[in-house]
Amino acid sequence: MRKVRDYNAELKALEDKARGLKARRVEQLGQLVIATGADTLDMETLAGVLLDAVALQNAEAKEAWRAKGAAFFQRRGRKGGRTAGGNSDGTGAQPGTNPASGSGAASD
């Protein structure tokens, strides 16, 4: 005879797992903000920068940001630890910089 599945227990386990994944994602986003030095910005400025980044339709600028982010993680991986403020080359210190204007490629 087949064992009856406990759908409620399975659903609860999935909900717990989803809650844990969401909490881990929020924690990682917070760590990213700190590692990049963006925690020095006030909340309104940081929110405005992120909203502009999400709304931006310029694919070249987004690709420049992606490449800069990949380089950031590669640097951190080689060093094996945190740098002071997370942006040793100062590239993260200018939140209003437009990567399409050429500031992204020359600094790396």
PDB file of N, CA and C in Angstrom:
ATOM      1  N   MET A   1       0.835  -1.178   0.000  1.00  0.00           N
ATOM      2  CA  MET A   1       0.000   0.000   0.000  1.00  0.00           C
ATOM      3  C   MET A   1       0.887   1.251   0.000  1.00  0.00           C
ATOM      4  N   ARG A   2       0.471   2.238  -0.752  1.00  0.00           N
ATOM      5  CA  ARG A   2       1.252   3.476  -0.863  1.00  0.00           C
ATOM      6  C   ARG A   2       1.088   4.349   0.365  1.00  0.00           C
ATOM      7  N   LYS A   3       2.189   4.999   0.688  1.00  0.00           N
ATOM      8  CA  LYS A   3       2.184   5.922   1.821  1.00  0.00           C
ATOM      9  C   LYS A   3       1.505   7.218   1.388  1.00  0.00           C
ATOM     10  N   VAL A   4       0.664   7.756   2.236  1.00  0.00           N
ATOM     11  CA  VAL A   4      -0.052   8.992   1.946  1.00  0.00           C
ATOM     12  C   VAL A   4       0.909  10.166   2.128  1.00  0.00           C
ATOM     13  N   ARG A   5       0.933  11.069   1.133  1.00  0.00           N
ATOM     14  CA  ARG A   5       1.801  12.244   1.223  1.00  0.00           C
ATOM     15  C   ARG A   5       1.172  13.296   2.122  1.00  0.00           C
ATOM     16  N   ASP A   6       2.014  13.911   2.907  1.00  0.00           N
ATOM     17  CA  ASP A   6       1.563  14.983   3.791  1.00  0.00           C
ATOM     18  C   ASP A   6       1.832  16.309   3.080  1.00  0.00           C
ATOM     19  N   TYR A   7       0.860  16.748   2.297  1.00  0.00           N
ATOM     20  CA  TYR A   7       1.030  17.968   1.505  1.00  0.00           C
ATOM     21  C   TYR A   7       1.239  19.190   2.379  1.00  0.00           C
ATOM     22  N   ASN A   8       0.572  19.226   3.513  1.00  0.00           N
ATOM     23  CA  ASN A   8       0.727  20.381   4.407  1.00  0.00           C
ATOM     24  C   ASN A   8       2.158  20.484   4.925  1.00  0.00           C
ATOM     25  N   ALA A   9       2.754  19.360   5.286  1.00  0.00           N
ATOM     26  CA  ALA A   9       4.137  19.369   5.786  1.00  0.00           C
ATOM     27  C   ALA A   9       5.099  19.767   4.670  1.00  0.00           C
ATOM     28  N   GLU A  10       4.851  19.257   3.449  1.00  0.00           N
ATOM     29  CA  GLU A  10       5.707  19.619   2.319  1.00  0.00           C
ATOM     30  C   GLU A  10       5.590  21.098   1.992  1.00  0.00           C
ATOM     31  N   LEU A  11       4.376  21.614   2.027  1.00  0.00           N
ATOM     32  CA  LEU A  11       4.158  23.034   1.758  1.00  0.00           C
ATOM     33  C   LEU A  11       4.835  23.901   2.816  1.00  0.00           C
ATOM     34  N   LYS A  12       4.731  23.495   4.074  1.00  0.00           N
ATOM     35  CA  LYS A  12       5.378  24.248   5.142  1.00  0.00           C
ATOM     36  C   LYS A  12       6.896  24.224   4.970  1.00  0.00           C
ATOM     37  N   ALA A  13       7.451  23.075   4.588  1.00  0.00           N
ATOM     38  CA  ALA A  13       8.896  22.978   4.374  1.00  0.00           C
ATOM     39  C   ALA A  13       9.339  23.892   3.236  1.00  0.00           C
ATOM     40  N   LEU A  14       8.556  23.939   2.162  1.00  0.00           N
ATOM     41  CA  LEU A  14       8.889  24.830   1.046  1.00  0.00           C
ATOM     42  C   LEU A  14       8.793  26.293   1.445  1.00  0.00           C
ATOM     43  N   GLU A  15       7.786  26.639   2.230  1.00  0.00           N
ATOM     44  CA  GLU A  15       7.635  28.020   2.698  1.00  0.00           C
ATOM     45  C   GLU A  15       8.808  28.410   3.595  1.00  0.00           C
ATOM     46  N   ASP A  16       9.238  27.487   4.464  1.00  0.00           N
ATOM     47  CA  ASP A  16      10.383  27.761   5.336  1.00  0.00           C
ATOM     48  C   ASP A  16      11.654  27.956   4.513  1.00  0.00           C
ATOM     49  N   LYS A  17      11.810  27.126   3.504  1.00  0.00           N
ATOM     50  CA  LYS A  17      12.988  27.245   2.641  1.00  0.00           C
ATOM     51  C   LYS A  17      12.968  28.571   1.884  1.00  0.00           C
ATOM     52  N   ALA A  18      11.810  28.963   1.357  1.00  0.00           N
ATOM     53  CA  ALA A  18      11.686  30.234   0.634  1.00  0.00           C
ATOM     54  C   ALA A  18      11.970  31.406   1.564  1.00  0.00           C
ATOM     55  N   ARG A  19      11.477  31.337   2.788  1.00  0.00           N
ATOM     56  CA  ARG A  19      11.715  32.401   3.772  1.00  0.00           C
ATOM     57  C   ARG A  19      13.211  32.510   4.077  1.00  0.00           C
ATOM     58  N   GLY A  20      13.871  31.373   4.223  1.00  0.00           N
ATOM     59  CA  GLY A  20      15.312  31.369   4.490  1.00  0.00           C
ATOM     60  C   GLY A  20      16.106  31.945   3.328  1.00  0.00           C
ATOM     61  N   LEU A  21      15.716  31.586   2.089  1.00  0.00           N
ATOM     62  CA  LEU A  21      16.401  32.119   0.908  1.00  0.00           C
ATOM     63  C   LEU A  21      16.214  33.629   0.795  1.00  0.00           C
ATOM     64  N   LYS A  22      15.009  34.092   1.100  1.00  0.00           N
ATOM     65  CA  LYS A  22      14.741  35.531   1.040  1.00  0.00           C
ATOM     66  C   LYS A  22      15.563  36.271   2.090  1.00  0.00           C
ATOM     67  N   ALA A  23      15.646  35.720   3.287  1.00  0.00           N
ATOM     68  CA  ALA A  23      16.436  36.348   4.350  1.00  0.00           C
ATOM     69  C   ALA A  23      17.911  36.386   3.970  1.00  0.00           C
ATOM     70  N   ARG A  24      18.401  35.305   3.365  1.00  0.00           N
ATOM     71  CA  ARG A  24      19.810  35.273   2.950  1.00  0.00           C
ATOM     72  C   ARG A  24      20.074  36.302   1.851  1.00  0.00           C
ATOM     73  N   ARG A  25      19.131  36.464   0.936  1.00  0.00           N
ATOM     74  CA  ARG A  25      19.285  37.458  -0.137  1.00  0.00           C
ATOM     75  C   ARG A  25      19.340  38.872   0.436  1.00  0.00           C
ATOM     76  N   VAL A  26      18.470  39.168   1.374  1.00  0.00           N
ATOM     77  CA  VAL A  26      18.466  40.493   2.004  1.00  0.00           C
ATOM     78  C   VAL A  26      19.781  40.740   2.728  1.00  0.00           C
ATOM     79  N   GLU A  27      20.274  39.720   3.429  1.00  0.00           N
ATOM     80  CA  GLU A  27      21.548  39.853   4.133  1.00  0.00           C
ATOM     81  C   GLU A  27      22.698  40.095   3.147  1.00  0.00           C
ATOM     82  N   GLN A  28      22.701  39.357   2.045  1.00  0.00           N
ATOM     83  CA  GLN A  28      23.759  39.523   1.048  1.00  0.00           C
ATOM     84  C   GLN A  28      23.704  40.906   0.400  1.00  0.00           C
ATOM     85  N   LEU A  29      22.506  41.426   0.158  1.00  0.00           N
ATOM     86  CA  LEU A  29      22.394  42.774  -0.403  1.00  0.00           C
ATOM     87  C   LEU A  29      22.947  43.805   0.582  1.00  0.00           C
ATOM     88  N   GLY A  30      22.671  43.627   1.856  1.00  0.00           N
ATOM     89  CA  GLY A  30      23.230  44.514   2.872  1.00  0.00           C
ATOM     90  C   GLY A  30      24.749  44.442   2.912  1.00  0.00           C
ATOM     91  N   GLN A  31      25.287  43.230   2.809  1.00  0.00           N
ATOM     92  CA  GLN A  31      26.736  43.065   2.789  1.00  0.00           C
ATOM     93  C   GLN A  31      27.343  43.730   1.560  1.00  0.00           C
ATOM     94  N   LEU A  32      26.648  43.658   0.432  1.00  0.00           N
ATOM     95  CA  LEU A  32      27.132  44.290  -0.790  1.00  0.00           C
ATOM     96  C   LEU A  32      27.174  45.809  -0.644  1.00  0.00           C
ATOM     97  N   VAL A  33      26.149  46.364  -0.046  1.00  0.00           N
ATOM     98  CA  VAL A  33      26.118  47.811   0.184  1.00  0.00           C
ATOM     99  C   VAL A  33      27.304  48.229   1.042  1.00  0.00           C
ATOM    100  N   ILE A  34      27.587  47.465   2.076  1.00  0.00           N
ATOM    101  CA  ILE A  34      28.705  47.789   2.961  1.00  0.00           C
ATOM    102  C   ILE A  34      30.035  47.594   2.249  1.00  0.00           C
ATOM    103  N   ALA A  35      30.189  46.477   1.531  1.00  0.00           N
ATOM    104  CA  ALA A  35      31.458  46.167   0.859  1.00  0.00           C
ATOM    105  C   ALA A  35      31.821  47.201  -0.194  1.00  0.00           C
ATOM    106  N   THR A  36      30.838  47.772  -0.859  1.00  0.00           N
ATOM    107  CA  THR A  36      31.112  48.762  -1.897  1.00  0.00           C
ATOM    108  C   THR A  36      31.298  50.164  -1.339  1.00  0.00           C
ATOM    109  N   GLY A  37      31.029  50.342  -0.054  1.00  0.00           N
ATOM    110  CA  GLY A  37      31.149  51.661   0.546  1.00  0.00           C
ATOM    111  C   GLY A  37      29.892  52.501   0.388  1.00  0.00           C
ATOM    112  N   ALA A  38      28.838  51.907  -0.174  1.00  0.00           N
ATOM    113  CA  ALA A  38      27.600  52.653  -0.386  1.00  0.00           C
ATOM    114  C   ALA A  38      26.863  52.920   0.916  1.00  0.00           C
ATOM    115  N   ASP A  39      27.288  52.295   2.004  1.00  0.00           N
ATOM    116  CA  ASP A  39      26.647  52.550   3.289  1.00  0.00           C
ATOM    117  C   ASP A  39      26.962  53.944   3.820  1.00  0.00           C
ATOM    118  N   THR A  40      27.901  54.640   3.195  1.00  0.00           N
ATOM    119  CA  THR A  40      28.207  56.012   3.605  1.00  0.00           C
ATOM    120  C   THR A  40      27.194  57.006   3.034  1.00  0.00           C
ATOM    121  N   LEU A  41      26.418  56.570   2.046  1.00  0.00           N
ATOM    122  CA  LEU A  41      25.386  57.423   1.468  1.00  0.00           C
ATOM    123  C   LEU A  41      24.151  57.407   2.358  1.00  0.00           C
ATOM    124  N   ASP A  42      23.407  58.516   2.355  1.00  0.00           N
ATOM    125  CA  ASP A  42      22.157  58.494   3.093  1.00  0.00           C
ATOM    126  C   ASP A  42      21.151  57.637   2.309  1.00  0.00           C
ATOM    127  N   MET A  43      20.131  57.176   2.990  1.00  0.00           N
ATOM    128  CA  MET A  43      19.172  56.231   2.402  1.00  0.00           C
ATOM    129  C   MET A  43      18.489  56.788   1.154  1.00  0.00           C
ATOM    130  N   GLU A  44      18.148  58.077   1.180  1.00  0.00           N
ATOM    131  CA  GLU A  44      17.449  58.672   0.041  1.00  0.00           C
ATOM    132  C   GLU A  44      18.344  58.694  -1.199  1.00  0.00           C
ATOM    133  N   THR A  45      19.621  59.025  -1.009  1.00  0.00           N
ATOM    134  CA  THR A  45      20.564  59.073  -2.134  1.00  0.00           C
ATOM    135  C   THR A  45      20.772  57.675  -2.711  1.00  0.00           C
ATOM    136  N   LEU A  46      20.991  56.719  -1.837  1.00  0.00           N
ATOM    137  CA  LEU A  46      21.191  55.343  -2.293  1.00  0.00           C
ATOM    138  C   LEU A  46      19.957  54.834  -3.041  1.00  0.00           C
ATOM    139  N   ALA A  47      18.782  55.099  -2.505  1.00  0.00           N
ATOM    140  CA  ALA A  47      17.545  54.682  -3.179  1.00  0.00           C
ATOM    141  C   ALA A  47      17.422  55.365  -4.537  1.00  0.00           C
ATOM    142  N   GLY A  48      17.761  56.636  -4.623  1.00  0.00           N
ATOM    143  CA  GLY A  48      17.683  57.355  -5.894  1.00  0.00           C
ATOM    144  C   GLY A  48      18.638  56.796  -6.932  1.00  0.00           C
ATOM    145  N   VAL A  49      19.858  56.468  -6.509  1.00  0.00           N
ATOM    146  CA  VAL A  49      20.849  55.884  -7.421  1.00  0.00           C
ATOM    147  C   VAL A  49      20.335  54.550  -7.950  1.00  0.00           C
ATOM    148  N   LEU A  50      19.817  53.716  -7.055  1.00  0.00           N
ATOM    149  CA  LEU A  50      19.319  52.406  -7.472  1.00  0.00           C
ATOM    150  C   LEU A  50      18.105  52.523  -8.386  1.00  0.00           C
ATOM    151  N   LEU A  51      17.218  53.450  -8.089  1.00  0.00           N
ATOM    152  CA  LEU A  51      16.054  53.659  -8.956  1.00  0.00           C
ATOM    153  C   LEU A  51      16.476  54.114 -10.353  1.00  0.00           C
ATOM    154  N   ASP A  52      17.460  55.005 -10.429  1.00  0.00           N
ATOM    155  CA  ASP A  52      17.969  55.442 -11.728  1.00  0.00           C
ATOM    156  C   ASP A  52      18.607  54.279 -12.485  1.00  0.00           C
ATOM    157  N   ALA A  53      19.336  53.432 -11.774  1.00  0.00           N
ATOM    158  CA  ALA A  53      19.983  52.283 -12.419  1.00  0.00           C
ATOM    159  C   ALA A  53      18.947  51.318 -12.972  1.00  0.00           C
ATOM    160  N   VAL A  54      17.881  51.084 -12.231  1.00  0.00           N
ATOM    161  CA  VAL A  54      16.824  50.179 -12.690  1.00  0.00           C
ATOM    162  C   VAL A  54      16.086  50.763 -13.895  1.00  0.00           C
ATOM    163  N   ALA A  55      15.854  52.062 -13.883  1.00  0.00           N
ATOM    164  CA  ALA A  55      15.085  52.700 -14.951  1.00  0.00           C
ATOM    165  C   ALA A  55      15.917  52.965 -16.207  1.00  0.00           C
ATOM    166  N   LEU A  56      17.234  52.932 -16.098  1.00  0.00           N
ATOM    167  CA  LEU A  56      18.107  53.261 -17.222  1.00  0.00           C
ATOM    168  C   LEU A  56      17.895  52.295 -18.384  1.00  0.00           C
ATOM    169  N   GLN A  57      17.756  52.824 -19.582  1.00  0.00           N
ATOM    170  CA  GLN A  57      17.550  52.006 -20.774  1.00  0.00           C
ATOM    171  C   GLN A  57      18.822  51.847 -21.595  1.00  0.00           C
ATOM    172  N   ASN A  58      19.915  52.490 -21.191  1.00  0.00           N
ATOM    173  CA  ASN A  58      21.170  52.468 -21.919  1.00  0.00           C
ATOM    174  C   ASN A  58      21.901  51.148 -21.667  1.00  0.00           C
ATOM    175  N   ALA A  59      21.893  50.259 -22.659  1.00  0.00           N
ATOM    176  CA  ALA A  59      22.513  48.941 -22.514  1.00  0.00           C
ATOM    177  C   ALA A  59      24.023  49.043 -22.344  1.00  0.00           C
ATOM    178  N   GLU A  60      24.654  50.018 -23.004  1.00  0.00           N
ATOM    179  CA  GLU A  60      26.113  50.184 -22.872  1.00  0.00           C
ATOM    180  C   GLU A  60      26.490  50.558 -21.441  1.00  0.00           C
ATOM    181  N   ALA A  61      25.731  51.436 -20.839  1.00  0.00           N
ATOM    182  CA  ALA A  61      26.013  51.847 -19.464  1.00  0.00           C
ATOM    183  C   ALA A  61      25.826  50.669 -18.518  1.00  0.00           C
ATOM    184  N   LYS A  62      24.768  49.903 -18.718  1.00  0.00           N
ATOM    185  CA  LYS A  62      24.530  48.745 -17.863  1.00  0.00           C
ATOM    186  C   LYS A  62      25.642  47.710 -18.018  1.00  0.00           C
ATOM    187  N   GLU A  63      26.118  47.522 -19.241  1.00  0.00           N
ATOM    188  CA  GLU A  63      27.213  46.575 -19.464  1.00  0.00           C
ATOM    189  C   GLU A  63      28.496  47.073 -18.801  1.00  0.00           C
ATOM    190  N   ALA A  64      28.738  48.373 -18.848  1.00  0.00           N
ATOM    191  CA  ALA A  64      29.914  48.939 -18.182  1.00  0.00           C
ATOM    192  C   ALA A  64      29.817  48.724 -16.670  1.00  0.00           C
ATOM    193  N   TRP A  65      28.635  48.904 -16.116  1.00  0.00           N
ATOM    194  CA  TRP A  65      28.437  48.667 -14.686  1.00  0.00           C
ATOM    195  C   TRP A  65      28.641  47.191 -14.354  1.00  0.00           C
ATOM    196  N   ARG A  66      28.140  46.308 -15.213  1.00  0.00           N
ATOM    197  CA  ARG A  66      28.281  44.869 -14.988  1.00  0.00           C
ATOM    198  C   ARG A  66      29.759  44.473 -14.970  1.00  0.00           C
ATOM    199  N   ALA A  67      30.514  44.999 -15.941  1.00  0.00           N
ATOM    200  CA  ALA A  67      31.946  44.694 -16.017  1.00  0.00           C
ATOM    201  C   ALA A  67      32.681  45.228 -14.787  1.00  0.00           C
ATOM    202  N   LYS A  68      32.306  46.418 -14.361  1.00  0.00           N
ATOM    203  CA  LYS A  68      32.930  47.012 -13.179  1.00  0.00           C
ATOM    204  C   LYS A  68      32.613  46.182 -11.935  1.00  0.00           C
ATOM    205  N   GLY A  69      31.386  45.692 -11.844  1.00  0.00           N
ATOM    206  CA  GLY A  69      30.994  44.834 -10.722  1.00  0.00           C
ATOM    207  C   GLY A  69      31.732  43.510 -10.739  1.00  0.00           C
ATOM    208  N   ALA A  70      31.880  42.916 -11.919  1.00  0.00           N
ATOM    209  CA  ALA A  70      32.612  41.656 -12.037  1.00  0.00           C
ATOM    210  C   ALA A  70      34.070  41.850 -11.608  1.00  0.00           C
ATOM    211  N   ALA A  71      34.670  42.957 -12.012  1.00  0.00           N
ATOM    212  CA  ALA A  71      36.049  43.254 -11.623  1.00  0.00           C
ATOM    213  C   ALA A  71      36.146  43.443 -10.111  1.00  0.00           C
ATOM    214  N   PHE A  72      35.153  44.073  -9.516  1.00  0.00           N
ATOM    215  CA  PHE A  72      35.123  44.273  -8.062  1.00  0.00           C
ATOM    216  C   PHE A  72      35.149  42.930  -7.343  1.00  0.00           C
ATOM    217  N   PHE A  73      34.313  41.988  -7.779  1.00  0.00           N
ATOM    218  CA  PHE A  73      34.260  40.686  -7.124  1.00  0.00           C
ATOM    219  C   PHE A  73      35.531  39.886  -7.377  1.00  0.00           C
ATOM    220  N   GLN A  74      36.139  40.024  -8.542  1.00  0.00           N
ATOM    221  CA  GLN A  74      37.388  39.322  -8.824  1.00  0.00           C
ATOM    222  C   GLN A  74      38.507  39.855  -7.929  1.00  0.00           C
ATOM    223  N   ARG A  75      38.574  41.171  -7.751  1.00  0.00           N
ATOM    224  CA  ARG A  75      39.585  41.763  -6.864  1.00  0.00           C
ATOM    225  C   ARG A  75      39.405  41.247  -5.446  1.00  0.00           C
ATOM    226  N   ARG A  76      38.188  41.221  -4.975  1.00  0.00           N
ATOM    227  CA  ARG A  76      37.900  40.767  -3.605  1.00  0.00           C
ATOM    228  C   ARG A  76      38.252  39.299  -3.455  1.00  0.00           C
ATOM    229  N   GLY A  77      38.022  38.506  -4.475  1.00  0.00           N
ATOM    230  CA  GLY A  77      38.334  37.086  -4.410  1.00  0.00           C
ATOM    231  C   GLY A  77      39.830  36.837  -4.322  1.00  0.00           C
ATOM    232  N   ARG A  78      40.627  37.601  -5.057  1.00  0.00           N
ATOM    233  CA  ARG A  78      42.085  37.436  -5.031  1.00  0.00           C
ATOM    234  C   ARG A  78      42.666  37.857  -3.699  1.00  0.00           C
ATOM    235  N   LYS A  79      42.129  38.932  -3.121  1.00  0.00           N
ATOM    236  CA  LYS A  79      42.677  39.440  -1.868  1.00  0.00           C
ATOM    237  C   LYS A  79      42.256  38.586  -0.690  1.00  0.00           C
ATOM    238  N   GLY A  80      41.133  37.881  -0.825  1.00  0.00           N
ATOM    239  CA  GLY A  80      40.679  36.996   0.234  1.00  0.00           C
ATOM    240  C   GLY A  80      40.122  37.710   1.445  1.00  0.00           C
ATOM    241  N   GLY A  81      39.913  38.984   1.362  1.00  0.00           N
ATOM    242  CA  GLY A  81      39.369  39.721   2.497  1.00  0.00           C
ATOM    243  C   GLY A  81      38.825  41.055   2.044  1.00  0.00           C
ATOM    244  N   ARG A  82      38.337  41.790   3.008  1.00  0.00           N
ATOM    245  CA  ARG A  82      37.750  43.084   2.693  1.00  0.00           C
ATOM    246  C   ARG A  82      38.817  44.160   2.618  1.00  0.00           C
ATOM    247  N   THR A  83      38.608  45.096   1.705  1.00  0.00           N
ATOM    248  CA  THR A  83      39.468  46.267   1.662  1.00  0.00           C
ATOM    249  C   THR A  83      38.801  47.351   2.484  1.00  0.00           C
ATOM    250  N   ALA A  84      39.535  48.357   2.857  1.00  0.00           N
ATOM    251  CA  ALA A  84      38.953  49.447   3.635  1.00  0.00           C
ATOM    252  C   ALA A  84      37.925  50.164   2.783  1.00  0.00           C
ATOM    253  N   GLY A  85      36.661  50.034   3.157  1.00  0.00           N
ATOM    254  CA  GLY A  85      35.597  50.688   2.410  1.00  0.00           C
ATOM    255  C   GLY A  85      35.182  49.921   1.178  1.00  0.00           C
ATOM    256  N   GLY A  86      35.928  48.921   0.759  1.00  0.00           N
ATOM    257  CA  GLY A  86      35.542  48.097  -0.359  1.00  0.00           C
ATOM    258  C   GLY A  86      35.841  48.681  -1.712  1.00  0.00           C
ATOM    259  N   ASN A  87      36.289  49.929  -1.791  1.00  0.00           N
ATOM    260  CA  ASN A  87      36.555  50.543  -3.089  1.00  0.00           C
ATOM    261  C   ASN A  87      37.923  51.195  -3.059  1.00  0.00           C
ATOM    262  N   SER A  88      38.954  50.363  -3.114  1.00  0.00           N
ATOM    263  CA  SER A  88      40.317  50.854  -2.963  1.00  0.00           C
ATOM    264  C   SER A  88      40.746  51.781  -4.085  1.00  0.00           C
ATOM    265  N   ASP A  89      40.120  51.653  -5.261  1.00  0.00           N
ATOM    266  CA  ASP A  89      40.502  52.538  -6.361  1.00  0.00           C
ATOM    267  C   ASP A  89      39.620  53.775  -6.440  1.00  0.00           C
ATOM    268  N   GLY A  90      38.665  53.914  -5.532  1.00  0.00           N
ATOM    269  CA  GLY A  90      37.838  55.114  -5.476  1.00  0.00           C
ATOM    270  C   GLY A  90      36.737  55.163  -6.502  1.00  0.00           C
ATOM    271  N   THR A  91      36.539  54.094  -7.290  1.00  0.00           N
ATOM    272  CA  THR A  91      35.528  54.134  -8.338  1.00  0.00           C
ATOM    273  C   THR A  91      34.120  54.125  -7.788  1.00  0.00           C
ATOM    274  N   GLY A  92      33.899  53.579  -6.599  1.00  0.00           N
ATOM    275  CA  GLY A  92      32.568  53.535  -6.032  1.00  0.00           C
ATOM    276  C   GLY A  92      32.201  54.804  -5.294  1.00  0.00           C
ATOM    277  N   ALA A  93      33.107  55.750  -5.195  1.00  0.00           N
ATOM    278  CA  ALA A  93      32.864  56.950  -4.407  1.00  0.00           C
ATOM    279  C   ALA A  93      32.082  58.004  -5.155  1.00  0.00           C
ATOM    280  N   GLN A  94      31.788  57.786  -6.429  1.00  0.00           N
ATOM    281  CA  GLN A  94      31.084  58.779  -7.218  1.00  0.00           C
ATOM    282  C   GLN A  94      29.770  58.198  -7.708  1.00  0.00           C
ATOM    283  N   PRO A  95      28.697  58.270  -6.858  1.00  0.00           N
ATOM    284  CA  PRO A  95      27.441  57.634  -7.227  1.00  0.00           C
ATOM    285  C   PRO A  95      26.761  58.265  -8.431  1.00  0.00           C
ATOM    286  N   GLY A  96      27.052  59.504  -8.759  1.00  0.00           N
ATOM    287  CA  GLY A  96      26.403  60.162  -9.882  1.00  0.00           C
ATOM    288  C   GLY A  96      27.152  60.024 -11.185  1.00  0.00           C
ATOM    289  N   THR A  97      28.229  59.248 -11.198  1.00  0.00           N
ATOM    290  CA  THR A  97      29.042  59.099 -12.392  1.00  0.00           C
ATOM    291  C   THR A  97      28.271  58.342 -13.450  1.00  0.00           C
ATOM    292  N   ASN A  98      28.333  58.828 -14.671  1.00  0.00           N
ATOM    293  CA  ASN A  98      27.666  58.173 -15.784  1.00  0.00           C
ATOM    294  C   ASN A  98      28.683  57.327 -16.522  1.00  0.00           C
ATOM    295  N   PRO A  99      28.592  55.974 -16.451  1.00  0.00           N
ATOM    296  CA  PRO A  99      29.578  55.124 -17.103  1.00  0.00           C
ATOM    297  C   PRO A  99      29.615  55.308 -18.611  1.00  0.00           C
ATOM    298  N   ALA A 100      28.538  55.767 -19.209  1.00  0.00           N
ATOM    299  CA  ALA A 100      28.509  55.958 -20.650  1.00  0.00           C
ATOM    300  C   ALA A 100      29.415  57.124 -21.073  1.00  0.00           C
ATOM    301  N   SER A 101      29.760  57.990 -20.118  1.00  0.00           N
ATOM    302  CA  SER A 101      30.592  59.141 -20.458  1.00  0.00           C
ATOM    303  C   SER A 101      32.077  58.790 -20.473  1.00  0.00           C
ATOM    304  N   GLY A 102      32.391  57.486 -20.234  1.00  0.00           N
ATOM    305  CA  GLY A 102      33.781  57.069 -20.327  1.00  0.00           C
ATOM    306  C   GLY A 102      34.484  56.946 -19.006  1.00  0.00           C
ATOM    307  N   SER A 103      33.821  57.195 -17.889  1.00  0.00           N
ATOM    308  CA  SER A 103      34.516  57.132 -16.620  1.00  0.00           C
ATOM    309  C   SER A 103      34.731  55.702 -16.160  1.00  0.00           C
ATOM    310  N   GLY A 104      33.986  54.730 -16.679  1.00  0.00           N
ATOM    311  CA  GLY A 104      34.106  53.358 -16.233  1.00  0.00           C
ATOM    312  C   GLY A 104      35.300  52.651 -16.804  1.00  0.00           C
ATOM    313  N   ALA A 105      35.638  52.861 -18.064  1.00  0.00           N
ATOM    314  CA  ALA A 105      36.689  52.112 -18.706  1.00  0.00           C
ATOM    315  C   ALA A 105      38.079  52.616 -18.317  1.00  0.00           C
ATOM    316  N   ALA A 106      38.220  53.890 -18.079  1.00  0.00           N
ATOM    317  CA  ALA A 106      39.548  54.454 -17.822  1.00  0.00           C
ATOM    318  C   ALA A 106      40.028  54.165 -16.407  1.00  0.00           C
ATOM    319  N   SER A 107      39.118  53.918 -15.449  1.00  0.00           N
ATOM    320  CA  SER A 107      39.529  53.763 -14.063  1.00  0.00           C
ATOM    321  C   SER A 107      39.987  52.355 -13.739  1.00  0.00           C
ATOM    322  N   ASP A 108      39.705  51.361 -14.563  1.00  0.00           N
ATOM    323  CA  ASP A 108      40.094  49.984 -14.247  1.00  0.00           C
ATOM    324  C   ASP A 108      41.341  49.557 -14.919  1.00  0.00           C
TER     325      ASP A 108
END
